[in-house]
Amino acid sequence: PQVGVLRRIVTIDIGEGPIIMINPRIVSADGEQVGGEACLSYPG
């Protein structure tokens, strides 16, 4: 959606190579982290 397409696709690369996820869903989550977060759709 950040490029105007309403499909369930994401691309991620935290420096370890690209990850492509189609129809992703989180099946479990635990722990907590608090940190600075930014977004290409809200630059700066």
All heavy atoms as atom14 arrays in JSON, in Angstrom:
{
  "sequence": "PQVGVLRRIVTIDIGEGPIIMINPRIVSADGEQVGGEACLSYPG",
  "atom14_mask": [
    [1, 1, 1, 1, 1, 1, 1, 0, 0, 0, 0, 0, 0, 0],
    [1, 1, 1, 1, 1, 1, 1, 1, 1, 0, 0, 0, 0, 0],
    [1, 1, 1, 1, 1, 1, 1, 0, 0, 0, 0, 0, 0, 0],
    [1, 1, 1, 1, 0, 0, 0, 0, 0, 0, 0, 0, 0, 0],
    [1, 1, 1, 1, 1, 1, 1, 0, 0, 0, 0, 0, 0, 0],
    [1, 1, 1, 1, 1, 1, 1, 1, 0, 0, 0, 0, 0, 0],
    [1, 1, 1, 1, 1, 1, 1, 1, 1, 1, 1, 0, 0, 0],
    [1, 1, 1, 1, 1, 1, 1, 1, 1, 1, 1, 0, 0, 0],
    [1, 1, 1, 1, 1, 1, 1, 1, 0, 0, 0, 0, 0, 0],
    [1, 1, 1, 1, 1, 1, 1, 0, 0, 0, 0, 0, 0, 0],
    [1, 1, 1, 1, 1, 1, 1, 0, 0, 0, 0, 0, 0, 0],
    [1, 1, 1, 1, 1, 1, 1, 1, 0, 0, 0, 0, 0, 0],
    [1, 1, 1, 1, 1, 1, 1, 1, 0, 0, 0, 0, 0, 0],
    [1, 1, 1, 1, 1, 1, 1, 1, 0, 0, 0, 0, 0, 0],
    [1, 1, 1, 1, 0, 0, 0, 0, 0, 0, 0, 0, 0, 0],
    [1, 1, 1, 1, 1, 1, 1, 1, 1, 0, 0, 0, 0, 0],
    [1, 1, 1, 1, 0, 0, 0, 0, 0, 0, 0, 0, 0, 0],
    [1, 1, 1, 1, 1, 1, 1, 0, 0, 0, 0, 0, 0, 0],
    [1, 1, 1, 1, 1, 1, 1, 1, 0, 0, 0, 0, 0, 0],
    [1, 1, 1, 1, 1, 1, 1, 1, 0, 0, 0, 0, 0, 0],
    [1, 1, 1, 1, 1, 1, 1, 1, 0, 0, 0, 0, 0, 0],
    [1, 1, 1, 1, 1, 1, 1, 1, 0, 0, 0, 0, 0, 0],
    [1, 1, 1, 1, 1, 1, 1, 1, 0, 0, 0, 0, 0, 0],
    [1, 1, 1, 1, 1, 1, 1, 0, 0, 0, 0, 0, 0, 0],
    [1, 1, 1, 1, 1, 1, 1, 1, 1, 1, 1, 0, 0, 0],
    [1, 1, 1, 1, 1, 1, 1, 1, 0, 0, 0, 0, 0, 0],
    [1, 1, 1, 1, 1, 1, 1, 0, 0, 0, 0, 0, 0, 0],
    [1, 1, 1, 1, 1, 1, 0, 0, 0, 0, 0, 0, 0, 0],
    [1, 1, 1, 1, 1, 0, 0, 0, 0, 0, 0, 0, 0, 0],
    [1, 1, 1, 1, 1, 1, 1, 1, 0, 0, 0, 0, 0, 0],
    [1, 1, 1, 1, 0, 0, 0, 0, 0, 0, 0, 0, 0, 0],
    [1, 1, 1, 1, 1, 1, 1, 1, 1, 0, 0, 0, 0, 0],
    [1, 1, 1, 1, 1, 1, 1, 1, 1, 0, 0, 0, 0, 0],
    [1, 1, 1, 1, 1, 1, 1, 0, 0, 0, 0, 0, 0, 0],
    [1, 1, 1, 1, 0, 0, 0, 0, 0, 0, 0, 0, 0, 0],
    [1, 1, 1, 1, 0, 0, 0, 0, 0, 0, 0, 0, 0, 0],
    [1, 1, 1, 1, 1, 1, 1, 1, 1, 0, 0, 0, 0, 0],
    [1, 1, 1, 1, 1, 0, 0, 0, 0, 0, 0, 0, 0, 0],
    [1, 1, 1, 1, 1, 1, 0, 0, 0, 0, 0, 0, 0, 0],
    [1, 1, 1, 1, 1, 1, 1, 1, 0, 0, 0, 0, 0, 0],
    [1, 1, 1, 1, 1, 1, 0, 0, 0, 0, 0, 0, 0, 0],
    [1, 1, 1, 1, 1, 1, 1, 1, 1, 1, 1, 1, 0, 0],
    [1, 1, 1, 1, 1, 1, 1, 0, 0, 0, 0, 0, 0, 0],
    [1, 1, 1, 1, 0, 0, 0, 0, 0, 0, 0, 0, 0, 0]
  ],
  "atom14_positions": [
    [[0.81, -1.22, 0.0], [0.0, 0.0, 0.0], [0.84, 1.28, 0.0], [0.38, 2.33, -0.43], [-0.85, -0.11, 1.27], [-0.17, -1.12, 2.11], [0.52, -2.05, 1.17], [0.0, 0.0, 0.0], [0.0, 0.0, 0.0], [0.0, 0.0, 0.0], [0.0, 0.0, 0.0], [0.0, 0.0, 0.0], [0.0, 0.0, 0.0], [0.0, 0.0, 0.0]],
    [[2.08, 1.19, 0.45], [2.95, 2.36, 0.43], [3.31, 2.79, -0.98], [3.77, 3.91, -1.19], [4.22, 2.1, 1.24], [3.98, 2.0, 2.73], [5.28, 1.79, 3.47], [5.72, 0.66, 3.62], [5.9, 2.87, 3.89], [0.0, 0.0, 0.0], [0.0, 0.0, 0.0], [0.0, 0.0, 0.0], [0.0, 0.0, 0.0], [0.0, 0.0, 0.0]],
    [[3.11, 1.89, -1.95], [3.3, 2.26, -3.35], [1.95, 2.22, -4.09], [1.9, 2.11, -5.31], [4.37, 1.39, -4.06], [5.75, 1.67, -3.47], [4.04, -0.09, -4.02], [0.0, 0.0, 0.0], [0.0, 0.0, 0.0], [0.0, 0.0, 0.0], [0.0, 0.0, 0.0], [0.0, 0.0, 0.0], [0.0, 0.0, 0.0], [0.0, 0.0, 0.0]],
    [[0.86, 2.29, -3.31], [-0.47, 2.44, -3.89], [-1.16, 1.17, -4.33], [-2.16, 1.22, -5.03], [0.0, 0.0, 0.0], [0.0, 0.0, 0.0], [0.0, 0.0, 0.0], [0.0, 0.0, 0.0], [0.0, 0.0, 0.0], [0.0, 0.0, 0.0], [0.0, 0.0, 0.0], [0.0, 0.0, 0.0], [0.0, 0.0, 0.0], [0.0, 0.0, 0.0]],
    [[-0.65, 0.01, -3.91], [-1.23, -1.27, -4.32], [-1.8, -1.97, -3.09], [-1.08, -2.28, -2.15], [-0.19, -2.17, -5.02], [-0.81, -3.5, -5.42], [0.41, -1.45, -6.23], [0.0, 0.0, 0.0], [0.0, 0.0, 0.0], [0.0, 0.0, 0.0], [0.0, 0.0, 0.0], [0.0, 0.0, 0.0], [0.0, 0.0, 0.0], [0.0, 0.0, 0.0]],
    [[-3.09, -2.23, -3.11], [-3.77, -2.81, -1.93], [-3.72, -4.34, -1.96], [-4.75, -5.02, -2.01], [-5.2, -2.29, -1.85], [-5.29, -0.8, -1.53], [-6.73, -0.31, -1.63], [-4.71, -0.5, -0.16], [0.0, 0.0, 0.0], [0.0, 0.0, 0.0], [0.0, 0.0, 0.0], [0.0, 0.0, 0.0], [0.0, 0.0, 0.0], [0.0, 0.0, 0.0]],
    [[-2.52, -4.86, -1.91], [-2.29, -6.31, -1.85], [-1.4, -6.6, -0.65], [-0.59, -5.79, -0.24], [-1.61, -6.81, -3.13], [-2.39, -6.52, -4.41], [-3.84, -6.98, -4.39], [-4.02, -8.39, -4.33], [-4.2, -9.18, -5.38], [-4.19, -8.69, -6.59], [-4.37, -10.47, -5.21], [0.0, 0.0, 0.0], [0.0, 0.0, 0.0], [0.0, 0.0, 0.0]],
    [[-1.54, -7.82, -0.09], [-0.82, -8.2, 1.13], [0.59, -8.7, 0.78], [0.86, -9.9, 0.81], [-1.62, -9.22, 1.92], [-2.96, -8.64, 2.41], [-3.69, -9.52, 3.38], [-3.09, -9.48, 4.7], [-3.28, -8.52, 5.6], [-4.07, -7.5, 5.32], [-2.69, -8.58, 6.78], [0.0, 0.0, 0.0], [0.0, 0.0, 0.0], [0.0, 0.0, 0.0]],
    [[1.47, -7.75, 0.48], [2.86, -8.05, 0.12], [3.76, -7.06, 0.85], [3.49, -5.86, 0.87], [3.1, -7.9, -1.4], [2.17, -8.82, -2.2], [4.57, -8.16, -1.74], [2.18, -8.55, -3.69], [0.0, 0.0, 0.0], [0.0, 0.0, 0.0], [0.0, 0.0, 0.0], [0.0, 0.0, 0.0], [0.0, 0.0, 0.0], [0.0, 0.0, 0.0]],
    [[4.84, -7.59, 1.46], [5.85, -6.73, 2.06], [7.24, -7.2, 1.64], [7.45, -8.38, 1.36], [5.76, -6.68, 3.6], [4.4, -6.21, 4.05], [6.11, -7.98, 4.25], [0.0, 0.0, 0.0], [0.0, 0.0, 0.0], [0.0, 0.0, 0.0], [0.0, 0.0, 0.0], [0.0, 0.0, 0.0], [0.0, 0.0, 0.0], [0.0, 0.0, 0.0]],
    [[8.15, -6.24, 1.6], [9.56, -6.54, 1.39], [10.31, -5.98, 2.6], [9.98, -4.9, 3.1], [10.1, -5.91, 0.09], [9.89, -4.5, 0.12], [9.41, -6.5, -1.13], [0.0, 0.0, 0.0], [0.0, 0.0, 0.0], [0.0, 0.0, 0.0], [0.0, 0.0, 0.0], [0.0, 0.0, 0.0], [0.0, 0.0, 0.0], [0.0, 0.0, 0.0]],
    [[11.29, -6.72, 3.07], [12.07, -6.32, 4.24], [13.53, -6.7, 3.98], [13.81, -7.76, 3.42], [11.57, -7.04, 5.51], [10.14, -6.62, 5.87], [12.52, -6.78, 6.69], [9.5, -7.43, 7.0], [0.0, 0.0, 0.0], [0.0, 0.0, 0.0], [0.0, 0.0, 0.0], [0.0, 0.0, 0.0], [0.0, 0.0, 0.0], [0.0, 0.0, 0.0]],
    [[14.43, -5.82, 4.4], [15.85, -6.16, 4.41], [16.51, -5.36, 5.52], [16.66, -4.14, 5.43], [16.52, -5.85, 3.07], [17.94, -6.4, 2.98], [18.53, -6.71, 4.04], [18.46, -6.53, 1.86], [0.0, 0.0, 0.0], [0.0, 0.0, 0.0], [0.0, 0.0, 0.0], [0.0, 0.0, 0.0], [0.0, 0.0, 0.0], [0.0, 0.0, 0.0]],
    [[16.89, -6.04, 6.59], [17.54, -5.38, 7.72], [19.06, -5.46, 7.59], [19.78, -5.24, 8.55], [17.07, -5.96, 9.08], [17.44, -7.43, 9.21], [15.58, -5.72, 9.28], [17.35, -7.97, 10.63], [0.0, 0.0, 0.0], [0.0, 0.0, 0.0], [0.0, 0.0, 0.0], [0.0, 0.0, 0.0], [0.0, 0.0, 0.0], [0.0, 0.0, 0.0]],
    [[19.52, -5.78, 6.39], [20.95, -5.87, 6.14], [21.44, -7.29, 5.96], [22.63, -7.53, 5.81], [0.0, 0.0, 0.0], [0.0, 0.0, 0.0], [0.0, 0.0, 0.0], [0.0, 0.0, 0.0], [0.0, 0.0, 0.0], [0.0, 0.0, 0.0], [0.0, 0.0, 0.0], [0.0, 0.0, 0.0], [0.0, 0.0, 0.0], [0.0, 0.0, 0.0]],
    [[20.5, -8.24, 5.96], [20.86, -9.66, 5.83], [20.31, -10.27, 4.54], [20.25, -11.47, 4.4], [20.33, -10.43, 7.04], [20.93, -9.93, 8.35], [20.27, -10.53, 9.58], [19.35, -11.36, 9.44], [20.7, -10.18, 10.69], [0.0, 0.0, 0.0], [0.0, 0.0, 0.0], [0.0, 0.0, 0.0], [0.0, 0.0, 0.0], [0.0, 0.0, 0.0]],
    [[19.87, -9.43, 3.62], [19.29, -9.9, 2.37], [17.78, -9.74, 2.38], [17.16, -9.67, 3.44], [0.0, 0.0, 0.0], [0.0, 0.0, 0.0], [0.0, 0.0, 0.0], [0.0, 0.0, 0.0], [0.0, 0.0, 0.0], [0.0, 0.0, 0.0], [0.0, 0.0, 0.0], [0.0, 0.0, 0.0], [0.0, 0.0, 0.0], [0.0, 0.0, 0.0]],
    [[17.19, -9.66, 1.19], [15.76, -9.37, 1.09], [14.87, -10.52, 1.54], [15.17, -11.69, 1.31], [15.55, -9.07, -0.39], [16.66, -9.79, -1.08], [17.82, -9.77, -0.12], [0.0, 0.0, 0.0], [0.0, 0.0, 0.0], [0.0, 0.0, 0.0], [0.0, 0.0, 0.0], [0.0, 0.0, 0.0], [0.0, 0.0, 0.0], [0.0, 0.0, 0.0]],
    [[13.78, -10.13, 2.21], [12.74, -11.07, 2.59], [11.46, -10.59, 1.92], [11.08, -9.44, 2.06], [12.54, -11.1, 4.12], [13.82, -11.54, 4.83], [11.37, -12.01, 4.51], [13.82, -11.3, 6.33], [0.0, 0.0, 0.0], [0.0, 0.0, 0.0], [0.0, 0.0, 0.0], [0.0, 0.0, 0.0], [0.0, 0.0, 0.0], [0.0, 0.0, 0.0]],
    [[10.82, -11.48, 1.19], [9.55, -11.17, 0.54], [8.47, -11.99, 1.23], [8.61, -13.21, 1.36], [9.61, -11.49, -0.96], [10.62, -10.56, -1.64], [8.23, -11.35, -1.61], [11.38, -11.2, -2.75], [0.0, 0.0, 0.0], [0.0, 0.0, 0.0], [0.0, 0.0, 0.0], [0.0, 0.0, 0.0], [0.0, 0.0, 0.0], [0.0, 0.0, 0.0]],
    [[7.45, -11.3, 1.69], [6.37, -11.97, 2.42], [5.04, -11.64, 1.75], [4.66, -10.48, 1.65], [6.35, -11.53, 3.87], [7.65, -11.81, 4.62], [7.65, -11.21, 6.33], [6.75, -12.56, 7.13], [0.0, 0.0, 0.0], [0.0, 0.0, 0.0], [0.0, 0.0, 0.0], [0.0, 0.0, 0.0], [0.0, 0.0, 0.0], [0.0, 0.0, 0.0]],
    [[4.37, -12.69, 1.3], [3.05, -12.56, 0.7], [2.04, -13.12, 1.7], [2.23, -14.21, 2.23], [2.99, -13.32, -0.64], [4.0, -12.72, -1.63], [1.57, -13.29, -1.22], [4.18, -13.53, -2.91], [0.0, 0.0, 0.0], [0.0, 0.0, 0.0], [0.0, 0.0, 0.0], [0.0, 0.0, 0.0], [0.0, 0.0, 0.0], [0.0, 0.0, 0.0]],
    [[0.98, -12.36, 1.95], [-0.05, -12.73, 2.92], [0.54, -13.07, 4.29], [0.18, -14.08, 4.91], [-0.91, -13.9, 2.41], [-1.57, -13.63, 1.09], [-1.83, -12.49, 0.74], [-1.85, -14.68, 0.34], [0.0, 0.0, 0.0], [0.0, 0.0, 0.0], [0.0, 0.0, 0.0], [0.0, 0.0, 0.0], [0.0, 0.0, 0.0], [0.0, 0.0, 0.0]],
    [[1.44, -12.22, 4.8], [2.07, -12.54, 6.09], [1.1, -12.42, 7.25], [0.15, -11.62, 7.22], [3.17, -11.47, 6.2], [2.61, -10.31, 5.45], [1.86, -10.92, 4.29], [0.0, 0.0, 0.0], [0.0, 0.0, 0.0], [0.0, 0.0, 0.0], [0.0, 0.0, 0.0], [0.0, 0.0, 0.0], [0.0, 0.0, 0.0], [0.0, 0.0, 0.0]],
    [[1.36, -13.22, 8.27], [0.57, -13.14, 9.5], [1.48, -13.56, 10.66], [2.32, -14.44, 10.52], [-0.69, -13.98, 9.44], [-0.45, -15.46, 9.34], [-1.74, -16.22, 9.0], [-1.55, -17.64, 9.07], [-0.93, -18.38, 8.16], [-0.39, -17.81, 7.1], [-0.82, -19.69, 8.31], [0.0, 0.0, 0.0], [0.0, 0.0, 0.0], [0.0, 0.0, 0.0]],
    [[1.28, -12.91, 11.77], [2.04, -13.25, 12.97], [1.28, -14.35, 13.7], [0.08, -14.22, 13.96], [2.22, -12.0, 13.86], [3.11, -11.0, 13.11], [2.82, -12.39, 15.21], [3.21, -9.65, 13.76], [0.0, 0.0, 0.0], [0.0, 0.0, 0.0], [0.0, 0.0, 0.0], [0.0, 0.0, 0.0], [0.0, 0.0, 0.0], [0.0, 0.0, 0.0]],
    [[1.97, -15.45, 13.98], [1.32, -16.57, 14.66], [1.65, -16.62, 16.15], [0.92, -17.23, 16.92], [1.64, -17.93, 13.98], [1.05, -17.95, 12.57], [3.13, -18.21, 13.92], [0.0, 0.0, 0.0], [0.0, 0.0, 0.0], [0.0, 0.0, 0.0], [0.0, 0.0, 0.0], [0.0, 0.0, 0.0], [0.0, 0.0, 0.0], [0.0, 0.0, 0.0]],
    [[2.72, -15.96, 16.55], [3.0, -15.82, 17.98], [3.93, -14.63, 18.18], [4.7, -14.27, 17.29], [3.61, -17.09, 18.57], [4.92, -17.3, 18.09], [0.0, 0.0, 0.0], [0.0, 0.0, 0.0], [0.0, 0.0, 0.0], [0.0, 0.0, 0.0], [0.0, 0.0, 0.0], [0.0, 0.0, 0.0], [0.0, 0.0, 0.0], [0.0, 0.0, 0.0]],
    [[3.81, -14.04, 19.36], [4.65, -12.9, 19.7], [4.88, -12.91, 21.21], [3.99, -13.29, 21.97], [3.96, -11.61, 19.29], [0.0, 0.0, 0.0], [0.0, 0.0, 0.0], [0.0, 0.0, 0.0], [0.0, 0.0, 0.0], [0.0, 0.0, 0.0], [0.0, 0.0, 0.0], [0.0, 0.0, 0.0], [0.0, 0.0, 0.0], [0.0, 0.0, 0.0]],
    [[6.08, -12.51, 21.62], [6.35, -12.41, 23.04], [7.48, -11.41, 23.28], [8.15, -10.97, 22.35], [6.68, -13.78, 23.66], [7.91, -14.41, 23.04], [9.02, -14.03, 23.44], [7.75, -15.28, 22.17], [0.0, 0.0, 0.0], [0.0, 0.0, 0.0], [0.0, 0.0, 0.0], [0.0, 0.0, 0.0], [0.0, 0.0, 0.0], [0.0, 0.0, 0.0]],
    [[7.65, -11.07, 24.52], [8.66, -10.1, 24.89], [8.22, -8.69, 24.51], [7.12, -8.48, 23.98], [0.0, 0.0, 0.0], [0.0, 0.0, 0.0], [0.0, 0.0, 0.0], [0.0, 0.0, 0.0], [0.0, 0.0, 0.0], [0.0, 0.0, 0.0], [0.0, 0.0, 0.0], [0.0, 0.0, 0.0], [0.0, 0.0, 0.0], [0.0, 0.0, 0.0]],
    [[9.09, -7.76, 24.79], [8.77, -6.36, 24.52], [10.04, -5.6, 24.22], [11.07, -5.83, 24.84], [8.06, -5.77, 25.74], [7.55, -4.38, 25.55], [6.8, -3.88, 26.78], [5.62, -4.26, 26.93], [7.41, -3.15, 27.57], [0.0, 0.0, 0.0], [0.0, 0.0, 0.0], [0.0, 0.0, 0.0], [0.0, 0.0, 0.0], [0.0, 0.0, 0.0]],
    [[9.96, -4.72, 23.24], [11.05, -3.8, 22.95], [10.44, -2.43, 22.69], [9.37, -2.31, 22.09], [11.87, -4.26, 21.74], [11.06, -4.36, 20.44], [11.93, -4.62, 19.23], [12.89, -3.9, 18.98], [11.59, -5.68, 18.48], [0.0, 0.0, 0.0], [0.0, 0.0, 0.0], [0.0, 0.0, 0.0], [0.0, 0.0, 0.0], [0.0, 0.0, 0.0]],
    [[11.11, -1.41, 23.19], [10.69, -0.04, 22.96], [11.82, 0.63, 22.19], [12.99, 0.53, 22.59], [10.43, 0.72, 24.29], [10.03, 2.16, 24.01], [9.38, 0.0, 25.11], [0.0, 0.0, 0.0], [0.0, 0.0, 0.0], [0.0, 0.0, 0.0], [0.0, 0.0, 0.0], [0.0, 0.0, 0.0], [0.0, 0.0, 0.0], [0.0, 0.0, 0.0]],
    [[11.48, 1.26, 21.08], [12.54, 1.9, 20.31], [12.0, 2.89, 19.32], [10.79, 2.95, 19.05], [0.0, 0.0, 0.0], [0.0, 0.0, 0.0], [0.0, 0.0, 0.0], [0.0, 0.0, 0.0], [0.0, 0.0, 0.0], [0.0, 0.0, 0.0], [0.0, 0.0, 0.0], [0.0, 0.0, 0.0], [0.0, 0.0, 0.0], [0.0, 0.0, 0.0]],
    [[12.92, 3.66, 18.76], [12.57, 4.63, 17.73], [12.15, 3.91, 16.47], [12.77, 2.94, 16.05], [0.0, 0.0, 0.0], [0.0, 0.0, 0.0], [0.0, 0.0, 0.0], [0.0, 0.0, 0.0], [0.0, 0.0, 0.0], [0.0, 0.0, 0.0], [0.0, 0.0, 0.0], [0.0, 0.0, 0.0], [0.0, 0.0, 0.0], [0.0, 0.0, 0.0]],
    [[11.07, 4.38, 15.9], [10.55, 3.78, 14.67], [10.24, 4.9, 13.7], [9.77, 5.96, 14.08], [9.29, 2.98, 15.01], [8.92, 1.98, 13.96], [7.96, 0.92, 14.49], [8.23, 0.32, 15.55], [6.94, 0.69, 13.82], [0.0, 0.0, 0.0], [0.0, 0.0, 0.0], [0.0, 0.0, 0.0], [0.0, 0.0, 0.0], [0.0, 0.0, 0.0]],
    [[10.54, 4.65, 12.43], [10.31, 5.61, 11.37], [9.65, 4.89, 10.2], [9.46, 3.68, 10.24], [11.62, 6.26, 10.95], [0.0, 0.0, 0.0], [0.0, 0.0, 0.0], [0.0, 0.0, 0.0], [0.0, 0.0, 0.0], [0.0, 0.0, 0.0], [0.0, 0.0, 0.0], [0.0, 0.0, 0.0], [0.0, 0.0, 0.0], [0.0, 0.0, 0.0]],
    [[9.31, 5.65, 9.17], [8.58, 5.06, 8.05], [8.86, 5.85, 6.78], [8.92, 7.09, 6.82], [7.08, 5.08, 8.37], [6.03, 4.36, 7.11], [0.0, 0.0, 0.0], [0.0, 0.0, 0.0], [0.0, 0.0, 0.0], [0.0, 0.0, 0.0], [0.0, 0.0, 0.0], [0.0, 0.0, 0.0], [0.0, 0.0, 0.0], [0.0, 0.0, 0.0]],
    [[9.0, 5.15, 5.68], [9.21, 5.81, 4.4], [8.02, 6.67, 3.99], [8.16, 7.58, 3.18], [9.52, 4.77, 3.31], [10.82, 3.99, 3.49], [10.96, 2.91, 2.43], [12.02, 4.92, 3.49], [0.0, 0.0, 0.0], [0.0, 0.0, 0.0], [0.0, 0.0, 0.0], [0.0, 0.0, 0.0], [0.0, 0.0, 0.0], [0.0, 0.0, 0.0]],
    [[6.85, 6.38, 4.55], [5.66, 7.18, 4.25], [5.53, 8.42, 5.13], [4.58, 9.19, 5.0], [4.39, 6.32, 4.39], [4.34, 5.36, 3.35], [0.0, 0.0, 0.0], [0.0, 0.0, 0.0], [0.0, 0.0, 0.0], [0.0, 0.0, 0.0], [0.0, 0.0, 0.0], [0.0, 0.0, 0.0], [0.0, 0.0, 0.0], [0.0, 0.0, 0.0]],
    [[6.48, 8.62, 6.02], [6.5, 9.81, 6.88], [7.96, 10.21, 7.06], [8.52, 10.11, 8.15], [5.81, 9.51, 8.21], [5.42, 10.71, 9.03], [5.15, 11.96, 8.46], [5.31, 10.6, 10.41], [4.78, 13.04, 9.23], [4.93, 11.67, 11.2], [4.68, 12.9, 10.6], [4.31, 13.98, 11.37], [0.0, 0.0, 0.0], [0.0, 0.0, 0.0]],
    [[8.6, 10.63, 5.95], [10.05, 10.87, 5.99], [10.45, 11.98, 6.95], [9.72, 12.95, 7.15], [10.38, 11.25, 4.54], [9.09, 11.64, 3.91], [8.01, 10.9, 4.66], [0.0, 0.0, 0.0], [0.0, 0.0, 0.0], [0.0, 0.0, 0.0], [0.0, 0.0, 0.0], [0.0, 0.0, 0.0], [0.0, 0.0, 0.0], [0.0, 0.0, 0.0]],
    [[11.61, 11.77, 7.56], [12.17, 12.76, 8.45], [11.59, 12.78, 9.85], [11.92, 13.64, 10.65], [0.0, 0.0, 0.0], [0.0, 0.0, 0.0], [0.0, 0.0, 0.0], [0.0, 0.0, 0.0], [0.0, 0.0, 0.0], [0.0, 0.0, 0.0], [0.0, 0.0, 0.0], [0.0, 0.0, 0.0], [0.0, 0.0, 0.0], [0.0, 0.0, 0.0]]
  ]
}
